[in-house]
Amino acid sequence: MESYDFKGKTVIPFATSGGSSIKNGRSSESRQACLNGRVVTDEGIAKACEDLKAAYPDVNWKEGKLLNRASKQELETWVKGL
């Protein structure tokens, strides 16, 4: 990621496995969630999201989605709806 210029790009964070969600902020449940408003149970994931947003402030960050156990059809439908 360090070698790619994300300036002006839109990034939609998503995950297709795992049980934790990614949240905008470390552990404050009152903050806007990156993924479906789920409660963060893994500080490392929350911190990674926060760090990415800080490292790439010129990125247009959009709300993402946790697609844990999603079928191929569900993934295709979500992507086509973006």
PDB file of N, CA and C in Angstrom:
ATOM      1  N   MET A   1       0.806  -1.183   0.000  1.00  0.00           N
ATOM      2  CA  MET A   1       0.000   0.000   0.000  1.00  0.00           C
ATOM      3  C   MET A   1       0.855   1.256   0.000  1.00  0.00           C
ATOM      4  N   GLU A   2       2.000   1.181   0.599  1.00  0.00           N
ATOM      5  CA  GLU A   2       2.831   2.371   0.730  1.00  0.00           C
ATOM      6  C   GLU A   2       3.251   2.943  -0.618  1.00  0.00           C
ATOM      7  N   SER A   3       3.350   2.107  -1.642  1.00  0.00           N
ATOM      8  CA  SER A   3       3.835   2.578  -2.936  1.00  0.00           C
ATOM      9  C   SER A   3       2.712   3.051  -3.865  1.00  0.00           C
ATOM     10  N   TYR A   4       1.466   2.914  -3.468  1.00  0.00           N
ATOM     11  CA  TYR A   4       0.346   3.317  -4.314  1.00  0.00           C
ATOM     12  C   TYR A   4      -0.169   4.687  -3.883  1.00  0.00           C
ATOM     13  N   ASP A   5      -0.466   5.548  -4.845  1.00  0.00           N
ATOM     14  CA  ASP A   5      -0.998   6.878  -4.546  1.00  0.00           C
ATOM     15  C   ASP A   5      -2.521   6.802  -4.438  1.00  0.00           C
ATOM     16  N   PHE A   6      -3.029   6.844  -3.220  1.00  0.00           N
ATOM     17  CA  PHE A   6      -4.462   6.764  -2.980  1.00  0.00           C
ATOM     18  C   PHE A   6      -5.141   8.132  -2.998  1.00  0.00           C
ATOM     19  N   LYS A   7      -4.403   9.197  -3.216  1.00  0.00           N
ATOM     20  CA  LYS A   7      -4.963  10.546  -3.170  1.00  0.00           C
ATOM     21  C   LYS A   7      -6.147  10.662  -4.133  1.00  0.00           C
ATOM     22  N   GLY A   8      -7.279  11.105  -3.597  1.00  0.00           N
ATOM     23  CA  GLY A   8      -8.477  11.285  -4.398  1.00  0.00           C
ATOM     24  C   GLY A   8      -9.241  10.014  -4.711  1.00  0.00           C
ATOM     25  N   LYS A   9      -8.746   8.879  -4.253  1.00  0.00           N
ATOM     26  CA  LYS A   9      -9.406   7.597  -4.510  1.00  0.00           C
ATOM     27  C   LYS A   9     -10.472   7.336  -3.450  1.00  0.00           C
ATOM     28  N   THR A  10     -11.428   6.507  -3.790  1.00  0.00           N
ATOM     29  CA  THR A  10     -12.447   6.071  -2.846  1.00  0.00           C
ATOM     30  C   THR A  10     -12.098   4.663  -2.388  1.00  0.00           C
ATOM     31  N   VAL A  11     -12.108   4.447  -1.076  1.00  0.00           N
ATOM     32  CA  VAL A  11     -11.799   3.136  -0.504  1.00  0.00           C
ATOM     33  C   VAL A  11     -12.992   2.681   0.328  1.00  0.00           C
ATOM     34  N   ILE A  12     -13.411   1.448   0.087  1.00  0.00           N
ATOM     35  CA  ILE A  12     -14.506   0.845   0.839  1.00  0.00           C
ATOM     36  C   ILE A  12     -13.943  -0.377   1.556  1.00  0.00           C
ATOM     37  N   PRO A  13     -13.684  -0.267   2.862  1.00  0.00           N
ATOM     38  CA  PRO A  13     -13.113  -1.409   3.579  1.00  0.00           C
ATOM     39  C   PRO A  13     -14.136  -2.542   3.686  1.00  0.00           C
ATOM     40  N   PHE A  14     -13.656  -3.772   3.505  1.00  0.00           N
ATOM     41  CA  PHE A  14     -14.536  -4.925   3.659  1.00  0.00           C
ATOM     42  C   PHE A  14     -13.718  -6.131   4.073  1.00  0.00           C
ATOM     43  N   ALA A  15     -14.406  -7.095   4.642  1.00  0.00           N
ATOM     44  CA  ALA A  15     -13.767  -8.344   5.047  1.00  0.00           C
ATOM     45  C   ALA A  15     -14.701  -9.485   4.686  1.00  0.00           C
ATOM     46  N   THR A  16     -14.131 -10.582   4.210  1.00  0.00           N
ATOM     47  CA  THR A  16     -14.938 -11.739   3.844  1.00  0.00           C
ATOM     48  C   THR A  16     -14.779 -12.899   4.815  1.00  0.00           C
ATOM     49  N   SER A  17     -14.045 -12.690   5.888  1.00  0.00           N
ATOM     50  CA  SER A  17     -13.929 -13.719   6.914  1.00  0.00           C
ATOM     51  C   SER A  17     -13.589 -13.053   8.229  1.00  0.00           C
ATOM     52  N   GLY A  18     -13.729 -13.796   9.286  1.00  0.00           N
ATOM     53  CA  GLY A  18     -13.424 -13.265  10.603  1.00  0.00           C
ATOM     54  C   GLY A  18     -14.689 -12.872  11.335  1.00  0.00           C
ATOM     55  N   GLY A  19     -14.581 -12.763  12.628  1.00  0.00           N
ATOM     56  CA  GLY A  19     -15.753 -12.453  13.430  1.00  0.00           C
ATOM     57  C   GLY A  19     -15.779 -11.061  13.988  1.00  0.00           C
ATOM     58  N   SER A  20     -14.692 -10.340  13.883  1.00  0.00           N
ATOM     59  CA  SER A  20     -14.647  -8.982  14.406  1.00  0.00           C
ATOM     60  C   SER A  20     -15.041  -7.997  13.326  1.00  0.00           C
ATOM     61  N   SER A  21     -15.518  -6.859  13.751  1.00  0.00           N
ATOM     62  CA  SER A  21     -15.818  -5.809  12.785  1.00  0.00           C
ATOM     63  C   SER A  21     -14.744  -4.746  12.863  1.00  0.00           C
ATOM     64  N   ILE A  22     -14.770  -3.850  11.910  1.00  0.00           N
ATOM     65  CA  ILE A  22     -13.828  -2.743  11.901  1.00  0.00           C
ATOM     66  C   ILE A  22     -14.612  -1.509  12.279  1.00  0.00           C
ATOM     67  N   LYS A  23     -14.070  -0.733  13.165  1.00  0.00           N
ATOM     68  CA  LYS A  23     -14.805   0.426  13.638  1.00  0.00           C
ATOM     69  C   LYS A  23     -13.952   1.670  13.525  1.00  0.00           C
ATOM     70  N   ASN A  24     -14.581   2.776  13.281  1.00  0.00           N
ATOM     71  CA  ASN A  24     -13.899   4.059  13.176  1.00  0.00           C
ATOM     72  C   ASN A  24     -13.582   4.555  14.572  1.00  0.00           C
ATOM     73  N   GLY A  25     -12.446   4.187  15.069  1.00  0.00           N
ATOM     74  CA  GLY A  25     -12.070   4.528  16.425  1.00  0.00           C
ATOM     75  C   GLY A  25     -11.719   3.261  17.169  1.00  0.00           C
ATOM     76  N   ARG A  26     -11.177   3.412  18.319  1.00  0.00           N
ATOM     77  CA  ARG A  26     -10.679   2.230  19.012  1.00  0.00           C
ATOM     78  C   ARG A  26     -11.769   1.440  19.706  1.00  0.00           C
ATOM     79  N   SER A  27     -12.379   1.972  20.745  1.00  0.00           N
ATOM     80  CA  SER A  27     -13.353   1.163  21.457  1.00  0.00           C
ATOM     81  C   SER A  27     -14.624   1.924  21.793  1.00  0.00           C
ATOM     82  N   SER A  28     -14.742   3.157  21.390  1.00  0.00           N
ATOM     83  CA  SER A  28     -15.926   3.939  21.704  1.00  0.00           C
ATOM     84  C   SER A  28     -17.104   3.473  20.867  1.00  0.00           C
ATOM     85  N   GLU A  29     -18.071   2.848  21.518  1.00  0.00           N
ATOM     86  CA  GLU A  29     -19.225   2.334  20.793  1.00  0.00           C
ATOM     87  C   GLU A  29     -20.096   3.449  20.241  1.00  0.00           C
ATOM     88  N   SER A  30     -19.873   4.676  20.693  1.00  0.00           N
ATOM     89  CA  SER A  30     -20.695   5.786  20.229  1.00  0.00           C
ATOM     90  C   SER A  30     -20.232   6.349  18.896  1.00  0.00           C
ATOM     91  N   ARG A  31     -19.057   5.958  18.443  1.00  0.00           N
ATOM     92  CA  ARG A  31     -18.545   6.463  17.167  1.00  0.00           C
ATOM     93  C   ARG A  31     -19.153   5.722  15.990  1.00  0.00           C
ATOM     94  N   GLN A  32     -19.150   6.371  14.832  1.00  0.00           N
ATOM     95  CA  GLN A  32     -19.666   5.766  13.592  1.00  0.00           C
ATOM     96  C   GLN A  32     -18.840   4.536  13.239  1.00  0.00           C
ATOM     97  N   ALA A  33     -19.481   3.438  12.959  1.00  0.00           N
ATOM     98  CA  ALA A  33     -18.778   2.207  12.593  1.00  0.00           C
ATOM     99  C   ALA A  33     -18.412   2.199  11.126  1.00  0.00           C
ATOM    100  N   CYS A  34     -17.260   1.630  10.822  1.00  0.00           N
ATOM    101  CA  CYS A  34     -16.863   1.444   9.424  1.00  0.00           C
ATOM    102  C   CYS A  34     -17.679   0.321   8.804  1.00  0.00           C
ATOM    103  N   LEU A  35     -17.931  -0.702   9.572  1.00  0.00           N
ATOM    104  CA  LEU A  35     -18.604  -1.874   9.023  1.00  0.00           C
ATOM    105  C   LEU A  35     -19.872  -2.213   9.791  1.00  0.00           C
ATOM    106  N   ASN A  36     -20.989  -1.861   9.235  1.00  0.00           N
ATOM    107  CA  ASN A  36     -22.301  -2.286   9.728  1.00  0.00           C
ATOM    108  C   ASN A  36     -22.618  -1.911  11.168  1.00  0.00           C
ATOM    109  N   GLY A  37     -21.912  -1.000  11.773  1.00  0.00           N
ATOM    110  CA  GLY A  37     -22.213  -0.578  13.121  1.00  0.00           C
ATOM    111  C   GLY A  37     -21.996  -1.648  14.174  1.00  0.00           C
ATOM    112  N   ARG A  38     -21.225  -2.657  13.866  1.00  0.00           N
ATOM    113  CA  ARG A  38     -20.991  -3.725  14.829  1.00  0.00           C
ATOM    114  C   ARG A  38     -20.012  -3.259  15.905  1.00  0.00           C
ATOM    115  N   VAL A  39     -20.129  -3.831  17.070  1.00  0.00           N
ATOM    116  CA  VAL A  39     -19.242  -3.482  18.173  1.00  0.00           C
ATOM    117  C   VAL A  39     -17.881  -4.122  17.946  1.00  0.00           C
ATOM    118  N   VAL A  40     -16.842  -3.345  18.135  1.00  0.00           N
ATOM    119  CA  VAL A  40     -15.488  -3.853  17.960  1.00  0.00           C
ATOM    120  C   VAL A  40     -15.102  -4.681  19.172  1.00  0.00           C
ATOM    121  N   THR A  41     -14.648  -5.876  18.911  1.00  0.00           N
ATOM    122  CA  THR A  41     -14.167  -6.727  19.993  1.00  0.00           C
ATOM    123  C   THR A  41     -12.659  -6.916  19.911  1.00  0.00           C
ATOM    124  N   ASP A  42     -12.056  -6.494  18.845  1.00  0.00           N
ATOM    125  CA  ASP A  42     -10.624  -6.659  18.652  1.00  0.00           C
ATOM    126  C   ASP A  42      -9.989  -5.287  18.481  1.00  0.00           C
ATOM    127  N   GLU A  43      -9.292  -4.837  19.514  1.00  0.00           N
ATOM    128  CA  GLU A  43      -8.639  -3.526  19.470  1.00  0.00           C
ATOM    129  C   GLU A  43      -7.696  -3.387  18.290  1.00  0.00           C
ATOM    130  N   GLY A  44      -7.048  -4.476  17.906  1.00  0.00           N
ATOM    131  CA  GLY A  44      -6.099  -4.422  16.794  1.00  0.00           C
ATOM    132  C   GLY A  44      -6.766  -4.049  15.484  1.00  0.00           C
ATOM    133  N   ILE A  45      -7.951  -4.593  15.226  1.00  0.00           N
ATOM    134  CA  ILE A  45      -8.668  -4.277  13.993  1.00  0.00           C
ATOM    135  C   ILE A  45      -9.132  -2.832  14.020  1.00  0.00           C
ATOM    136  N   ALA A  46      -9.668  -2.399  15.135  1.00  0.00           N
ATOM    137  CA  ALA A  46     -10.119  -1.013  15.255  1.00  0.00           C
ATOM    138  C   ALA A  46      -8.953  -0.055  15.075  1.00  0.00           C
ATOM    139  N   LYS A  47      -7.828  -0.383  15.658  1.00  0.00           N
ATOM    140  CA  LYS A  47      -6.640   0.463  15.544  1.00  0.00           C
ATOM    141  C   LYS A  47      -6.154   0.505  14.101  1.00  0.00           C
ATOM    142  N   ALA A  48      -6.203  -0.625  13.405  1.00  0.00           N
ATOM    143  CA  ALA A  48      -5.766  -0.663  12.012  1.00  0.00           C
ATOM    144  C   ALA A  48      -6.613   0.265  11.154  1.00  0.00           C
ATOM    145  N   CYS A  49      -7.908   0.264  11.371  1.00  0.00           N
ATOM    146  CA  CYS A  49      -8.801   1.147  10.621  1.00  0.00           C
ATOM    147  C   CYS A  49      -8.461   2.606  10.911  1.00  0.00           C
ATOM    148  N   GLU A  50      -8.275   2.915  12.163  1.00  0.00           N
ATOM    149  CA  GLU A  50      -7.918   4.278  12.568  1.00  0.00           C
ATOM    150  C   GLU A  50      -6.581   4.689  11.956  1.00  0.00           C
ATOM    151  N   ASP A  51      -5.613   3.801  11.994  1.00  0.00           N
ATOM    152  CA  ASP A  51      -4.286   4.097  11.451  1.00  0.00           C
ATOM    153  C   ASP A  51      -4.325   4.314   9.944  1.00  0.00           C
ATOM    154  N   LEU A  52      -5.107   3.505   9.232  1.00  0.00           N
ATOM    155  CA  LEU A  52      -5.220   3.675   7.780  1.00  0.00           C
ATOM    156  C   LEU A  52      -5.829   5.027   7.430  1.00  0.00           C
ATOM    157  N   LYS A  53      -6.861   5.407   8.142  1.00  0.00           N
ATOM    158  CA  LYS A  53      -7.500   6.699   7.869  1.00  0.00           C
ATOM    159  C   LYS A  53      -6.550   7.851   8.177  1.00  0.00           C
ATOM    160  N   ALA A  54      -5.739   7.702   9.213  1.00  0.00           N
ATOM    161  CA  ALA A  54      -4.760   8.742   9.548  1.00  0.00           C
ATOM    162  C   ALA A  54      -3.629   8.785   8.523  1.00  0.00           C
ATOM    163  N   ALA A  55      -3.208   7.624   8.042  1.00  0.00           N
ATOM    164  CA  ALA A  55      -2.100   7.552   7.087  1.00  0.00           C
ATOM    165  C   ALA A  55      -2.505   8.014   5.692  1.00  0.00           C
ATOM    166  N   TYR A  56      -3.788   7.906   5.377  1.00  0.00           N
ATOM    167  CA  TYR A  56      -4.285   8.263   4.046  1.00  0.00           C
ATOM    168  C   TYR A  56      -5.441   9.255   4.164  1.00  0.00           C
ATOM    169  N   PRO A  57      -5.154  10.474   4.640  1.00  0.00           N
ATOM    170  CA  PRO A  57      -6.231  11.450   4.851  1.00  0.00           C
ATOM    171  C   PRO A  57      -6.866  11.958   3.560  1.00  0.00           C
ATOM    172  N   ASP A  58      -6.186  11.805   2.433  1.00  0.00           N
ATOM    173  CA  ASP A  58      -6.724  12.278   1.158  1.00  0.00           C
ATOM    174  C   ASP A  58      -7.630  11.251   0.483  1.00  0.00           C
ATOM    175  N   VAL A  59      -7.857  10.130   1.151  1.00  0.00           N
ATOM    176  CA  VAL A  59      -8.724   9.083   0.617  1.00  0.00           C
ATOM    177  C   VAL A  59     -10.170   9.412   0.975  1.00  0.00           C
ATOM    178  N   ASN A  60     -11.061   9.134   0.061  1.00  0.00           N
ATOM    179  CA  ASN A  60     -12.488   9.261   0.310  1.00  0.00           C
ATOM    180  C   ASN A  60     -12.959   7.939   0.920  1.00  0.00           C
ATOM    181  N   TRP A  61     -12.982   7.857   2.248  1.00  0.00           N
ATOM    182  CA  TRP A  61     -13.356   6.626   2.939  1.00  0.00           C
ATOM    183  C   TRP A  61     -14.867   6.485   2.948  1.00  0.00           C
ATOM    184  N   LYS A  62     -15.363   5.336   2.517  1.00  0.00           N
ATOM    185  CA  LYS A  62     -16.792   5.032   2.528  1.00  0.00           C
ATOM    186  C   LYS A  62     -17.070   3.941   3.551  1.00  0.00           C
ATOM    187  N   GLU A  63     -18.326   3.855   3.970  1.00  0.00           N
ATOM    188  CA  GLU A  63     -18.709   2.802   4.897  1.00  0.00           C
ATOM    189  C   GLU A  63     -18.528   1.454   4.213  1.00  0.00           C
ATOM    190  N   GLY A  64     -17.941   0.532   4.931  1.00  0.00           N
ATOM    191  CA  GLY A  64     -17.691  -0.781   4.373  1.00  0.00           C
ATOM    192  C   GLY A  64     -18.683  -1.807   4.856  1.00  0.00           C
ATOM    193  N   LYS A  65     -18.280  -3.045   4.761  1.00  0.00           N
ATOM    194  CA  LYS A  65     -19.195  -4.121   5.132  1.00  0.00           C
ATOM    195  C   LYS A  65     -18.408  -5.348   5.572  1.00  0.00           C
ATOM    196  N   LEU A  66     -18.930  -6.007   6.582  1.00  0.00           N
ATOM    197  CA  LEU A  66     -18.398  -7.294   7.011  1.00  0.00           C
ATOM    198  C   LEU A  66     -19.216  -8.364   6.304  1.00  0.00           C
ATOM    199  N   LEU A  67     -18.580  -9.127   5.462  1.00  0.00           N
ATOM    200  CA  LEU A  67     -19.254 -10.129   4.639  1.00  0.00           C
ATOM    201  C   LEU A  67     -18.904 -11.534   5.104  1.00  0.00           C
ATOM    202  N   ASN A  68     -18.837 -11.710   6.397  1.00  0.00           N
ATOM    203  CA  ASN A  68     -18.502 -12.999   6.986  1.00  0.00           C
ATOM    204  C   ASN A  68     -19.553 -14.037   6.602  1.00  0.00           C
ATOM    205  N   ARG A  69     -19.109 -15.117   6.034  1.00  0.00           N
ATOM    206  CA  ARG A  69     -19.959 -16.237   5.614  1.00  0.00           C
ATOM    207  C   ARG A  69     -20.919 -15.862   4.483  1.00  0.00           C
ATOM    208  N   ALA A  70     -20.617 -14.827   3.737  1.00  0.00           N
ATOM    209  CA  ALA A  70     -21.465 -14.434   2.610  1.00  0.00           C
ATOM    210  C   ALA A  70     -21.269 -15.398   1.445  1.00  0.00           C
ATOM    211  N   SER A  71     -22.342 -15.658   0.744  1.00  0.00           N
ATOM    212  CA  SER A  71     -22.260 -16.519  -0.439  1.00  0.00           C
ATOM    213  C   SER A  71     -21.691 -15.719  -1.607  1.00  0.00           C
ATOM    214  N   LYS A  72     -21.309 -16.425  -2.651  1.00  0.00           N
ATOM    215  CA  LYS A  72     -20.805 -15.760  -3.848  1.00  0.00           C
ATOM    216  C   LYS A  72     -21.859 -14.799  -4.389  1.00  0.00           C
ATOM    217  N   GLN A  73     -23.113 -15.215  -4.384  1.00  0.00           N
ATOM    218  CA  GLN A  73     -24.202 -14.369  -4.879  1.00  0.00           C
ATOM    219  C   GLN A  73     -24.344 -13.104  -4.028  1.00  0.00           C
ATOM    220  N   GLU A  74     -24.249 -13.247  -2.711  1.00  0.00           N
ATOM    221  CA  GLU A  74     -24.337 -12.079  -1.827  1.00  0.00           C
ATOM    222  C   GLU A  74     -23.193 -11.104  -2.097  1.00  0.00           C
ATOM    223  N   LEU A  75     -21.987 -11.642  -2.311  1.00  0.00           N
ATOM    224  CA  LEU A  75     -20.837 -10.791  -2.623  1.00  0.00           C
ATOM    225  C   LEU A  75     -21.052 -10.051  -3.940  1.00  0.00           C
ATOM    226  N   GLU A  76     -21.503 -10.769  -4.958  1.00  0.00           N
ATOM    227  CA  GLU A  76     -21.732 -10.152  -6.261  1.00  0.00           C
ATOM    228  C   GLU A  76     -22.804  -9.069  -6.181  1.00  0.00           C
ATOM    229  N   THR A  77     -23.870  -9.336  -5.450  1.00  0.00           N
ATOM    230  CA  THR A  77     -24.948  -8.359  -5.296  1.00  0.00           C
ATOM    231  C   THR A  77     -24.439  -7.110  -4.596  1.00  0.00           C
ATOM    232  N   TRP A  78     -23.650  -7.293  -3.539  1.00  0.00           N
ATOM    233  CA  TRP A  78     -23.109  -6.144  -2.811  1.00  0.00           C
ATOM    234  C   TRP A  78     -22.209  -5.310  -3.713  1.00  0.00           C
ATOM    235  N   VAL A  79     -21.300  -5.966  -4.432  1.00  0.00           N
ATOM    236  CA  VAL A  79     -20.365  -5.246  -5.301  1.00  0.00           C
ATOM    237  C   VAL A  79     -21.117  -4.494  -6.397  1.00  0.00           C
ATOM    238  N   LYS A  80     -22.088  -5.124  -7.009  1.00  0.00           N
ATOM    239  CA  LYS A  80     -22.854  -4.470  -8.078  1.00  0.00           C
ATOM    240  C   LYS A  80     -23.647  -3.275  -7.560  1.00  0.00           C
ATOM    241  N   GLY A  81     -23.982  -3.292  -6.280  1.00  0.00           N
ATOM    242  CA  GLY A  81     -24.752  -2.200  -5.684  1.00  0.00           C
ATOM    243  C   GLY A  81     -23.919  -1.019  -5.221  1.00  0.00           C
ATOM    244  N   LEU A  82     -22.619  -1.123  -5.348  1.00  0.00           N
ATOM    245  CA  LEU A  82     -21.757  -0.027  -4.885  1.00  0.00           C
ATOM    246  C   LEU A  82     -21.837   1.190  -5.774  1.00  0.00           C
TER     247      LEU A  82
END
